[in-house]
Amino acid sequence: MTTTSSSQILVTDYLKSYKATHCNDGGSALDLNKPLVAQGFDSLDTIELVMAMEDDFKIEISDEIAKTWETPANIVLDVALLLKGVPAQ
């Protein structure tokens, strides 16, 4: 059984809010396992998302990590680790 940490919930809620206000996809719900591009995130949206999360969460997200993100689930896992002070993989 997989448990969800408070950091993962925080990041998931952040992504839902970000998607609702920044992605032009007709307002569909965030699907954690669906590719970002299929949910209205283009490359500029992803760059802006990284910058926004860095500012709001006071973390640093490396370009190498951000480039590996294919789904919101990838973002949730990596950012939740960074919020706990653990380097993302």
Protein backbone atom coordinates (compact mmCIF):
# COMPACT_ATOMS: atom_id res chain seq x y z
CA MET A 1 0.00 0.00 0.00
CA THR A 2 1.38 3.41 -0.99
CA THR A 3 0.95 6.34 1.35
CA THR A 4 0.78 9.94 0.24
CA SER A 5 2.84 12.44 2.20
CA SER A 6 1.67 15.93 3.10
CA SER A 7 4.35 17.26 0.72
CA GLN A 8 2.89 15.22 -2.14
CA ILE A 9 -0.60 16.52 -1.37
CA LEU A 10 0.73 20.10 -1.27
CA VAL A 11 2.45 19.74 -4.65
CA THR A 12 -0.57 18.01 -6.22
CA ASP A 13 -2.87 20.82 -5.07
CA TYR A 14 -0.36 23.38 -6.37
CA LEU A 15 -0.30 21.69 -9.79
CA LYS A 16 -4.10 21.56 -9.95
CA SER A 17 -4.31 25.27 -9.22
CA TYR A 18 -1.50 26.11 -11.65
CA LYS A 19 -3.09 24.07 -14.45
CA ALA A 20 -6.47 25.70 -13.89
CA THR A 21 -5.03 29.19 -14.21
CA HIS A 22 -2.22 28.77 -16.75
CA CYS A 23 -3.00 25.96 -19.20
CA ASN A 24 -5.35 26.44 -22.10
CA ASP A 25 -6.92 23.01 -22.26
CA GLY A 26 -10.59 23.67 -21.68
CA GLY A 27 -10.43 23.26 -17.93
CA SER A 28 -9.99 19.51 -17.73
CA ALA A 29 -8.99 18.00 -14.39
CA LEU A 30 -5.35 17.23 -13.66
CA ASP A 31 -4.48 13.58 -14.33
CA LEU A 32 -1.29 12.67 -12.49
CA ASN A 33 -0.41 9.89 -14.94
CA LYS A 34 -1.25 11.60 -18.22
CA PRO A 35 1.61 13.29 -20.13
CA LEU A 36 2.01 16.99 -19.43
CA VAL A 37 1.71 17.95 -23.10
CA ALA A 38 -1.60 16.08 -23.36
CA GLN A 39 -2.90 18.24 -20.50
CA GLY A 40 -2.11 21.60 -22.05
CA PHE A 41 1.40 22.14 -20.66
CA ASP A 42 3.74 23.34 -23.38
CA SER A 43 7.47 23.88 -22.86
CA LEU A 44 6.96 27.51 -21.81
CA ASP A 45 4.31 26.49 -19.27
CA THR A 46 6.73 23.98 -17.79
CA ILE A 47 9.51 26.58 -17.50
CA GLU A 48 7.11 29.02 -15.85
CA LEU A 49 5.88 26.27 -13.52
CA VAL A 50 9.45 25.51 -12.41
CA MET A 51 10.11 29.20 -11.72
CA ALA A 52 6.83 29.58 -9.83
CA MET A 53 7.48 26.51 -7.66
CA GLU A 54 11.01 27.67 -6.93
CA ASP A 55 9.68 31.05 -5.78
CA ASP A 56 6.66 29.76 -3.88
CA PHE A 57 8.32 26.77 -2.22
CA LYS A 58 11.78 28.36 -1.81
CA ILE A 59 13.53 25.44 -3.50
CA GLU A 60 15.89 25.02 -6.42
CA ILE A 61 14.89 22.69 -9.25
CA SER A 62 17.72 21.74 -11.58
CA ASP A 63 17.21 21.83 -15.32
CA GLU A 64 18.29 18.18 -15.44
CA ILE A 65 15.45 17.17 -13.12
CA ALA A 66 12.81 19.34 -14.81
CA LYS A 67 13.73 17.90 -18.22
CA THR A 68 12.81 14.41 -17.00
CA TRP A 69 9.24 15.35 -16.13
CA GLU A 70 6.77 13.65 -18.40
CA THR A 71 3.74 13.54 -16.10
CA PRO A 72 2.48 15.50 -13.10
CA ALA A 73 3.27 12.42 -10.98
CA ASN A 74 6.98 12.93 -11.80
CA ILE A 75 6.74 16.53 -10.61
CA VAL A 76 4.92 15.57 -7.41
CA LEU A 77 7.53 12.98 -6.46
CA ASP A 78 10.55 15.17 -7.23
CA VAL A 79 9.24 18.37 -5.65
CA ALA A 80 7.99 16.53 -2.56
CA LEU A 81 11.52 15.20 -2.05
CA LEU A 82 13.00 18.67 -2.48
CA LEU A 83 10.55 20.06 0.08
CA LYS A 84 11.81 17.45 2.54
CA GLY A 85 15.39 18.47 1.84
CA VAL A 86 16.18 15.30 -0.12
CA PRO A 87 17.80 15.73 -3.55
CA ALA A 88 15.43 14.77 -6.37
CA GLN A 89 16.58 11.87 -8.50
